[in-house]
N, C-alpha and C. Protein backbone atom coordinates (compact mmCIF):
# COMPACT_ATOMS: atom_id res chain seq x y z
N UNK A 1 27.68 36.68 25.63
CA UNK A 1 28.88 36.35 26.36
C UNK A 1 28.55 36.18 27.84
N UNK A 2 29.59 36.05 28.64
CA UNK A 2 29.41 35.79 30.06
C UNK A 2 29.62 37.02 30.92
N UNK A 3 29.59 38.21 30.34
CA UNK A 3 29.79 39.47 31.05
C UNK A 3 31.15 39.50 31.75
N UNK A 4 32.16 38.94 31.11
CA UNK A 4 33.52 38.94 31.66
C UNK A 4 34.42 39.95 30.97
N UNK A 5 33.85 40.79 30.14
CA UNK A 5 34.65 41.75 29.41
C UNK A 5 35.43 42.67 30.34
N UNK A 6 34.88 42.98 31.49
CA UNK A 6 35.59 43.85 32.43
C UNK A 6 36.88 43.20 32.91
N UNK A 7 36.89 41.89 33.04
CA UNK A 7 38.08 41.17 33.48
C UNK A 7 39.08 40.96 32.35
N UNK A 8 38.56 40.78 31.10
CA UNK A 8 39.42 40.39 30.00
C UNK A 8 39.65 41.49 28.97
N UNK A 9 38.89 42.55 29.01
CA UNK A 9 39.05 43.62 28.04
C UNK A 9 38.83 43.11 26.62
N UNK A 10 39.78 43.39 25.75
CA UNK A 10 39.66 42.99 24.35
C UNK A 10 40.04 41.52 24.12
N UNK A 11 40.37 40.81 25.20
CA UNK A 11 40.79 39.41 25.05
C UNK A 11 39.63 38.45 25.28
N UNK A 12 38.47 38.76 24.75
CA UNK A 12 37.31 37.88 24.80
C UNK A 12 37.01 37.46 23.36
N UNK A 13 37.01 36.16 23.12
CA UNK A 13 36.85 35.63 21.76
C UNK A 13 35.71 34.63 21.72
N UNK A 14 35.17 34.44 20.53
CA UNK A 14 34.05 33.53 20.34
C UNK A 14 34.20 32.79 19.03
N UNK A 15 33.58 31.63 18.95
CA UNK A 15 33.62 30.84 17.72
C UNK A 15 33.01 31.59 16.54
N UNK A 16 32.20 32.60 16.83
CA UNK A 16 31.62 33.42 15.76
C UNK A 16 32.68 34.19 14.99
N UNK A 17 33.88 34.26 15.53
CA UNK A 17 34.96 35.03 14.90
C UNK A 17 35.78 34.20 13.91
N UNK A 18 35.49 32.92 13.79
CA UNK A 18 36.25 32.04 12.89
C UNK A 18 35.29 31.23 12.03
N UNK A 19 35.83 30.65 10.97
CA UNK A 19 35.00 29.90 10.02
C UNK A 19 34.52 28.57 10.60
N UNK A 20 35.40 27.89 11.34
CA UNK A 20 35.05 26.56 11.85
C UNK A 20 35.23 26.51 13.36
N UNK A 21 34.28 25.86 14.02
CA UNK A 21 34.37 25.69 15.47
C UNK A 21 35.16 24.44 15.84
N UNK A 22 35.22 24.19 17.13
CA UNK A 22 35.90 23.00 17.62
C UNK A 22 35.19 21.76 17.07
N UNK A 23 35.91 20.73 16.72
CA UNK A 23 37.28 20.36 17.09
C UNK A 23 38.36 20.93 16.17
N UNK A 24 38.00 21.82 15.26
CA UNK A 24 39.02 22.48 14.44
C UNK A 24 39.76 23.49 15.30
N UNK A 25 41.03 23.73 15.03
CA UNK A 25 41.83 24.61 15.89
C UNK A 25 41.66 26.10 15.61
N UNK A 26 40.77 26.47 14.72
CA UNK A 26 40.67 27.85 14.25
C UNK A 26 40.57 28.88 15.37
N UNK A 27 39.71 28.65 16.38
CA UNK A 27 39.52 29.65 17.43
C UNK A 27 40.80 29.84 18.24
N UNK A 28 41.51 28.75 18.53
CA UNK A 28 42.74 28.87 19.31
C UNK A 28 43.84 29.56 18.50
N UNK A 29 43.92 29.25 17.23
CA UNK A 29 44.91 29.90 16.37
C UNK A 29 44.60 31.38 16.22
N UNK A 30 43.33 31.71 16.10
CA UNK A 30 42.91 33.11 16.01
C UNK A 30 43.30 33.86 17.28
N UNK A 31 42.99 33.30 18.43
CA UNK A 31 43.34 33.93 19.71
C UNK A 31 44.84 34.16 19.82
N UNK A 32 45.59 33.16 19.48
CA UNK A 32 47.05 33.23 19.55
C UNK A 32 47.58 34.37 18.69
N UNK A 33 47.05 34.47 17.49
CA UNK A 33 47.49 35.55 16.59
C UNK A 33 47.13 36.93 17.15
N UNK A 34 45.96 37.03 17.76
CA UNK A 34 45.52 38.32 18.29
C UNK A 34 46.42 38.83 19.41
N UNK A 35 47.00 37.91 20.17
CA UNK A 35 47.87 38.35 21.26
C UNK A 35 49.35 38.21 20.91
N UNK A 36 49.65 37.71 19.72
CA UNK A 36 51.02 37.66 19.25
C UNK A 36 51.90 36.64 19.94
N UNK A 37 51.36 35.48 20.23
CA UNK A 37 52.13 34.43 20.90
C UNK A 37 52.24 33.19 20.04
N UNK A 38 53.27 32.38 20.31
CA UNK A 38 53.44 31.10 19.64
C UNK A 38 52.55 30.07 20.33
N UNK A 39 52.13 29.05 19.59
CA UNK A 39 51.25 28.03 20.20
C UNK A 39 51.83 27.39 21.46
N UNK A 40 53.14 27.11 21.48
CA UNK A 40 53.70 26.45 22.65
C UNK A 40 53.80 27.37 23.86
N UNK A 41 53.42 28.61 23.71
CA UNK A 41 53.37 29.56 24.81
C UNK A 41 51.97 29.66 25.41
N UNK A 42 51.03 28.87 24.88
CA UNK A 42 49.64 28.95 25.32
C UNK A 42 49.19 27.67 26.01
N UNK A 43 48.39 27.84 27.04
CA UNK A 43 47.80 26.73 27.77
C UNK A 43 46.29 26.83 27.63
N UNK A 44 45.67 25.73 27.27
CA UNK A 44 44.22 25.68 27.10
C UNK A 44 43.63 24.80 28.20
N UNK A 45 42.63 25.33 28.90
CA UNK A 45 41.89 24.57 29.91
C UNK A 45 40.52 24.30 29.29
N UNK A 46 40.20 23.05 29.06
CA UNK A 46 38.97 22.69 28.33
C UNK A 46 38.25 21.54 29.01
N UNK A 47 36.91 21.56 28.92
CA UNK A 47 36.14 20.45 29.49
C UNK A 47 35.51 19.56 28.42
N UNK A 48 35.84 19.81 27.15
CA UNK A 48 35.27 18.97 26.09
C UNK A 48 36.38 18.29 25.30
N UNK A 49 36.11 17.09 24.84
CA UNK A 49 37.08 16.36 24.01
C UNK A 49 37.34 17.13 22.72
N UNK A 50 36.31 17.72 22.14
CA UNK A 50 36.49 18.51 20.92
C UNK A 50 37.39 19.71 21.15
N UNK A 51 37.27 20.35 22.29
CA UNK A 51 38.12 21.48 22.63
C UNK A 51 39.56 21.06 22.86
N UNK A 52 39.74 19.90 23.50
CA UNK A 52 41.10 19.37 23.71
C UNK A 52 41.73 19.06 22.35
N UNK A 53 40.97 18.41 21.47
CA UNK A 53 41.49 18.09 20.14
C UNK A 53 41.87 19.36 19.38
N UNK A 54 41.06 20.39 19.50
CA UNK A 54 41.34 21.65 18.81
C UNK A 54 42.61 22.29 19.36
N UNK A 55 42.78 22.26 20.66
CA UNK A 55 43.98 22.84 21.28
C UNK A 55 45.23 22.09 20.84
N UNK A 56 45.16 20.78 20.86
CA UNK A 56 46.31 19.96 20.44
C UNK A 56 46.62 20.22 18.96
N UNK A 57 45.59 20.28 18.14
CA UNK A 57 45.79 20.55 16.71
C UNK A 57 46.42 21.93 16.50
N UNK A 58 46.17 22.86 17.43
CA UNK A 58 46.76 24.20 17.34
C UNK A 58 48.19 24.23 17.88
N UNK A 59 48.66 23.11 18.42
CA UNK A 59 50.02 23.04 18.95
C UNK A 59 50.15 23.57 20.36
N UNK A 60 49.04 23.60 21.10
CA UNK A 60 49.03 24.15 22.46
C UNK A 60 48.97 23.04 23.49
N UNK A 61 49.36 23.35 24.71
CA UNK A 61 49.24 22.43 25.83
C UNK A 61 47.80 22.45 26.30
N UNK A 62 47.20 21.27 26.45
CA UNK A 62 45.79 21.18 26.83
C UNK A 62 45.63 20.46 28.16
N UNK A 63 44.83 21.07 29.04
CA UNK A 63 44.48 20.48 30.32
C UNK A 63 43.00 20.15 30.28
N UNK A 64 42.66 18.92 30.64
CA UNK A 64 41.27 18.50 30.68
C UNK A 64 40.62 18.88 31.99
N UNK A 65 39.55 19.65 31.93
CA UNK A 65 38.85 20.09 33.13
C UNK A 65 37.72 19.12 33.47
N UNK A 66 37.82 18.52 34.63
CA UNK A 66 36.81 17.55 35.10
C UNK A 66 36.17 18.07 36.38
N UNK A 67 35.97 19.36 36.50
CA UNK A 67 35.52 19.97 37.75
C UNK A 67 34.09 20.50 37.69
N UNK A 68 33.35 20.20 36.67
CA UNK A 68 32.00 20.75 36.54
C UNK A 68 30.94 19.70 36.89
N UNK A 69 29.75 20.17 37.19
CA UNK A 69 28.68 19.25 37.60
C UNK A 69 28.18 18.38 36.45
N UNK A 70 28.42 18.79 35.21
CA UNK A 70 27.95 17.99 34.07
C UNK A 70 28.91 16.85 33.71
N UNK A 71 30.05 16.75 34.38
CA UNK A 71 31.04 15.71 34.09
C UNK A 71 30.53 14.36 34.58
N UNK A 72 30.56 13.39 33.71
CA UNK A 72 30.11 12.03 34.04
C UNK A 72 31.28 11.07 34.08
N UNK A 73 31.04 9.90 34.62
CA UNK A 73 32.07 8.87 34.71
C UNK A 73 32.65 8.58 33.33
N UNK A 74 33.96 8.48 33.27
CA UNK A 74 34.65 8.20 32.02
C UNK A 74 35.03 9.43 31.22
N UNK A 75 34.55 10.61 31.66
CA UNK A 75 34.87 11.84 30.93
C UNK A 75 36.37 12.12 30.94
N UNK A 76 37.01 11.85 32.07
CA UNK A 76 38.45 12.08 32.15
C UNK A 76 39.21 11.23 31.14
N UNK A 77 38.75 10.01 30.91
CA UNK A 77 39.40 9.13 29.93
C UNK A 77 39.25 9.72 28.52
N UNK A 78 38.06 10.24 28.22
CA UNK A 78 37.84 10.85 26.90
C UNK A 78 38.74 12.07 26.69
N UNK A 79 38.90 12.87 27.74
CA UNK A 79 39.77 14.04 27.62
C UNK A 79 41.23 13.63 27.46
N UNK A 80 41.66 12.63 28.20
CA UNK A 80 43.04 12.14 28.08
C UNK A 80 43.25 11.57 26.68
N UNK A 81 42.28 10.78 26.20
CA UNK A 81 42.39 10.19 24.86
C UNK A 81 42.42 11.27 23.77
N UNK A 82 41.77 12.39 24.03
CA UNK A 82 41.75 13.50 23.06
C UNK A 82 43.08 14.25 23.04
N UNK A 83 43.92 14.06 24.08
CA UNK A 83 45.23 14.69 24.08
C UNK A 83 45.56 15.56 25.28
N UNK A 84 44.70 15.55 26.30
CA UNK A 84 44.99 16.35 27.49
C UNK A 84 46.27 15.84 28.16
N UNK A 85 47.18 16.75 28.49
CA UNK A 85 48.43 16.36 29.15
C UNK A 85 48.28 16.28 30.66
N UNK A 86 47.20 16.87 31.17
CA UNK A 86 46.93 16.86 32.60
C UNK A 86 45.42 16.91 32.77
N UNK A 87 44.92 16.27 33.81
CA UNK A 87 43.50 16.34 34.14
C UNK A 87 43.35 17.08 35.46
N UNK A 88 42.45 18.05 35.50
CA UNK A 88 42.19 18.82 36.71
C UNK A 88 40.79 18.49 37.19
N UNK A 89 40.69 18.04 38.43
CA UNK A 89 39.40 17.68 39.00
C UNK A 89 38.83 18.77 39.91
N UNK A 90 39.53 19.89 39.99
CA UNK A 90 39.05 21.04 40.76
C UNK A 90 39.68 22.30 40.19
N UNK A 91 39.07 23.45 40.52
CA UNK A 91 39.65 24.72 40.07
C UNK A 91 40.97 24.98 40.78
N UNK A 92 41.15 24.43 41.97
CA UNK A 92 42.43 24.56 42.67
C UNK A 92 43.54 23.86 41.87
N UNK A 93 43.24 22.67 41.32
CA UNK A 93 44.21 21.98 40.47
C UNK A 93 44.51 22.78 39.21
N UNK A 94 43.49 23.38 38.62
CA UNK A 94 43.69 24.23 37.45
C UNK A 94 44.65 25.36 37.80
N UNK A 95 44.39 25.99 38.92
CA UNK A 95 45.22 27.11 39.35
C UNK A 95 46.68 26.67 39.53
N UNK A 96 46.90 25.56 40.21
CA UNK A 96 48.28 25.08 40.43
C UNK A 96 48.98 24.78 39.11
N UNK A 97 48.29 24.07 38.21
CA UNK A 97 48.91 23.72 36.93
C UNK A 97 49.16 24.97 36.09
N UNK A 98 48.20 25.88 36.07
CA UNK A 98 48.35 27.11 35.29
C UNK A 98 49.53 27.93 35.80
N UNK A 99 49.70 28.00 37.10
CA UNK A 99 50.82 28.75 37.65
C UNK A 99 52.15 28.07 37.33
N UNK A 100 52.19 26.75 37.40
CA UNK A 100 53.41 26.02 37.02
C UNK A 100 53.75 26.29 35.56
N UNK A 101 52.74 26.20 34.71
CA UNK A 101 52.93 26.45 33.28
C UNK A 101 53.43 27.87 33.05
N UNK A 102 52.79 28.83 33.69
CA UNK A 102 53.16 30.23 33.47
C UNK A 102 54.55 30.52 34.01
N UNK A 103 54.90 29.95 35.13
CA UNK A 103 56.24 30.18 35.68
C UNK A 103 57.31 29.61 34.77
N UNK A 104 57.00 28.52 34.09
CA UNK A 104 57.96 27.91 33.18
C UNK A 104 58.05 28.65 31.85
N UNK A 105 57.03 29.46 31.53
CA UNK A 105 56.98 30.11 30.21
C UNK A 105 56.66 31.59 30.30
N UNK A 106 57.18 32.28 31.26
CA UNK A 106 56.88 33.71 31.35
C UNK A 106 57.37 34.41 30.10
N UNK A 107 56.46 35.10 29.46
CA UNK A 107 56.74 35.80 28.21
C UNK A 107 56.38 37.26 28.46
N UNK A 108 57.36 38.09 28.56
CA UNK A 108 57.12 39.51 28.86
C UNK A 108 56.26 39.65 30.12
N UNK A 109 56.42 38.71 31.05
CA UNK A 109 55.69 38.78 32.30
C UNK A 109 54.24 38.37 32.21
N UNK A 110 53.73 37.99 31.04
CA UNK A 110 52.31 37.66 30.91
C UNK A 110 52.15 36.32 30.20
N UNK A 111 51.83 35.26 30.95
CA UNK A 111 51.55 33.99 30.30
C UNK A 111 50.20 34.07 29.59
N UNK A 112 49.97 33.14 28.70
CA UNK A 112 48.74 33.13 27.92
C UNK A 112 48.01 31.83 28.19
N UNK A 113 46.90 31.92 28.89
CA UNK A 113 46.16 30.74 29.28
C UNK A 113 44.73 30.90 28.80
N UNK A 114 44.25 29.92 28.07
CA UNK A 114 42.91 29.98 27.53
C UNK A 114 42.00 29.15 28.43
N UNK A 115 41.06 29.78 29.08
CA UNK A 115 40.19 29.08 30.01
C UNK A 115 38.74 29.23 29.60
N UNK A 116 38.00 28.20 29.89
CA UNK A 116 36.55 28.30 29.79
C UNK A 116 36.04 28.45 31.21
N UNK A 117 35.26 29.47 31.46
CA UNK A 117 34.67 29.74 32.77
C UNK A 117 35.70 29.78 33.89
N UNK A 118 36.72 30.61 33.77
CA UNK A 118 37.72 30.68 34.83
C UNK A 118 37.22 31.42 36.05
N UNK A 119 37.79 31.15 37.19
CA UNK A 119 37.44 31.88 38.39
C UNK A 119 38.20 33.19 38.42
N UNK A 120 37.66 34.16 39.10
CA UNK A 120 38.31 35.46 39.21
C UNK A 120 39.68 35.32 39.86
N UNK A 121 39.81 34.41 40.80
CA UNK A 121 41.10 34.20 41.48
C UNK A 121 42.18 33.78 40.48
N UNK A 122 41.85 32.85 39.59
CA UNK A 122 42.82 32.41 38.59
C UNK A 122 43.09 33.53 37.61
N UNK A 123 42.06 34.26 37.25
CA UNK A 123 42.23 35.36 36.29
C UNK A 123 43.22 36.38 36.84
N UNK A 124 43.17 36.66 38.14
CA UNK A 124 44.09 37.62 38.72
C UNK A 124 45.50 37.02 38.85
N UNK A 125 45.59 35.70 39.02
CA UNK A 125 46.88 35.06 39.24
C UNK A 125 47.75 35.04 37.98
N UNK A 126 47.13 34.91 36.85
CA UNK A 126 47.88 34.82 35.60
C UNK A 126 47.17 35.63 34.53
N UNK A 127 47.87 36.00 33.47
CA UNK A 127 47.25 36.74 32.37
C UNK A 127 46.43 35.79 31.52
N UNK A 128 45.17 36.09 31.31
CA UNK A 128 44.28 35.18 30.61
C UNK A 128 43.54 35.85 29.47
N UNK A 129 43.01 35.02 28.59
CA UNK A 129 41.96 35.51 27.72
C UNK A 129 40.87 34.46 27.65
N UNK A 130 39.70 34.87 27.27
CA UNK A 130 38.49 34.06 27.41
C UNK A 130 37.93 33.68 26.07
N UNK A 131 37.52 32.42 25.94
CA UNK A 131 36.82 31.94 24.76
C UNK A 131 35.35 31.84 25.07
């Protein structure tokens, strides 16, 4: 793992916990069940088309992350085509969108946002779990 257990506690999940990996929705559905939330209460931040497809198949809102050094030209189009409802080109954009999403869907005061490699600032801003 990424040594983020201190930030996420028991909310750290891996594809090893399900039968099929992305683009199948199994990991997202598993996470949702573990925290007791409905799919439409979850936001997924993903940098892969397979991850976006898995999130959409799970019935979740998916944001395409285009903020990493490995992102190449046309990647944003692939993420949008896979079903991303928003594209974030920086972690600041992720933070703004995640806060908007969480403010619109506060559930017992803790929104559910699935992030890959989130920043500590975003982790503190909203309730998260890690894949």
